[in-house]
Amino acid sequence: MTIDTNTMVSISEANQNFSKVARLVDECGSAVILKNNVPRYLVIDFSKADKDMIASDDDVLSISKQLMEQNREAYEVLAK
């Protein structure tokens, strides 16, 4: 994930001025809240969150193949 340094806000600043965080999200699509100078929280537009939560069919198929390969022995035992 690429983080725009202009959207970073310290946790104390976010606590005192949350409207600034909301404005950053409106303008840039997201804001990163830092805790102890480390990115800790990501604030995104609610409508964007739903889109990002849906995995593509290709992603699901790829993960399924990996899991089946990793657990081949268990599947063979269950198939008997």
Protein backbone atom coordinates (compact mmCIF):
# COMPACT_ATOMS: atom_id res chain seq x y z
CA MET A 1 0.00 0.00 0.00
CA THR A 2 1.32 3.40 -0.94
CA ILE A 3 0.84 6.09 1.68
CA ASP A 4 0.79 9.77 0.79
CA THR A 5 2.78 11.60 3.45
CA ASN A 6 0.36 14.53 3.13
CA THR A 7 -2.42 12.36 4.58
CA MET A 8 -0.55 11.40 7.74
CA VAL A 9 -1.83 12.76 11.04
CA SER A 10 -0.58 12.07 14.56
CA ILE A 11 -3.04 10.42 16.91
CA SER A 12 -2.99 13.43 19.24
CA GLU A 13 -3.79 15.78 16.35
CA ALA A 14 -6.56 13.46 15.15
CA ASN A 15 -7.97 13.40 18.66
CA GLN A 16 -7.99 17.20 18.92
CA ASN A 17 -9.03 17.94 15.34
CA PHE A 18 -10.94 15.04 13.80
CA SER A 19 -12.55 17.39 11.28
CA LYS A 20 -9.06 17.70 9.71
CA VAL A 21 -8.92 13.92 9.32
CA ALA A 22 -12.41 13.88 7.77
CA ARG A 23 -11.42 16.66 5.38
CA LEU A 24 -8.30 14.71 4.32
CA VAL A 25 -10.44 11.65 3.63
CA ASP A 26 -12.88 13.74 1.58
CA GLU A 27 -10.06 15.30 -0.45
CA CYS A 28 -7.61 12.40 -0.79
CA GLY A 29 -9.71 9.29 -0.23
CA SER A 30 -7.93 8.20 2.95
CA ALA A 31 -5.97 9.36 5.98
CA VAL A 32 -3.36 7.53 8.04
CA ILE A 33 -3.22 8.10 11.79
CA LEU A 34 0.19 7.61 13.36
CA LYS A 35 0.73 6.26 16.85
CA ASN A 36 4.28 6.68 18.18
CA ASN A 37 5.30 7.83 14.68
CA VAL A 38 4.21 4.51 13.16
CA PRO A 39 1.21 4.15 10.81
CA ARG A 40 -1.47 2.53 12.97
CA TYR A 41 -4.95 3.38 11.66
CA LEU A 42 -6.38 3.91 8.20
CA VAL A 43 -9.48 6.06 7.77
CA ILE A 44 -11.26 5.66 4.43
CA ASP A 45 -14.54 6.74 2.91
CA PHE A 46 -17.27 4.28 3.87
CA SER A 47 -18.42 3.77 0.28
CA LYS A 48 -14.86 2.86 -0.72
CA ALA A 49 -14.56 0.32 2.10
CA ASP A 50 -17.27 -1.89 0.61
CA LYS A 51 -15.51 -2.02 -2.77
CA ASP A 52 -12.16 -2.90 -1.20
CA MET A 53 -13.66 -5.72 0.87
CA ILE A 54 -14.84 -7.75 -2.13
CA ALA A 55 -12.26 -10.19 -3.49
CA SER A 56 -12.16 -10.87 -7.19
CA ASP A 57 -13.01 -14.33 -8.48
CA ASP A 58 -9.40 -14.78 -9.61
CA ASP A 59 -8.12 -14.00 -6.10
CA VAL A 60 -10.53 -16.48 -4.52
CA LEU A 61 -9.61 -19.18 -7.05
CA SER A 62 -5.89 -18.62 -6.50
CA ILE A 63 -6.21 -18.82 -2.72
CA SER A 64 -8.39 -21.92 -2.99
CA LYS A 65 -5.78 -23.66 -5.13
CA GLN A 66 -3.03 -22.78 -2.65
CA LEU A 67 -5.05 -24.12 0.29
CA MET A 68 -5.92 -27.32 -1.54
CA GLU A 69 -2.26 -27.87 -2.42
CA GLN A 70 -1.11 -27.19 1.15
CA ASN A 71 -3.70 -29.58 2.58
CA ARG A 72 -3.62 -32.26 -0.12
CA GLU A 73 -3.03 -35.12 2.34
CA ALA A 74 -6.01 -34.16 4.49
CA TYR A 75 -8.27 -33.95 1.43
CA GLU A 76 -7.10 -37.38 0.23
CA VAL A 77 -7.88 -38.91 3.63
CA LEU A 78 -11.31 -37.29 3.68
CA ALA A 79 -12.02 -38.52 0.14
CA LYS A 80 -11.70 -42.17 1.22
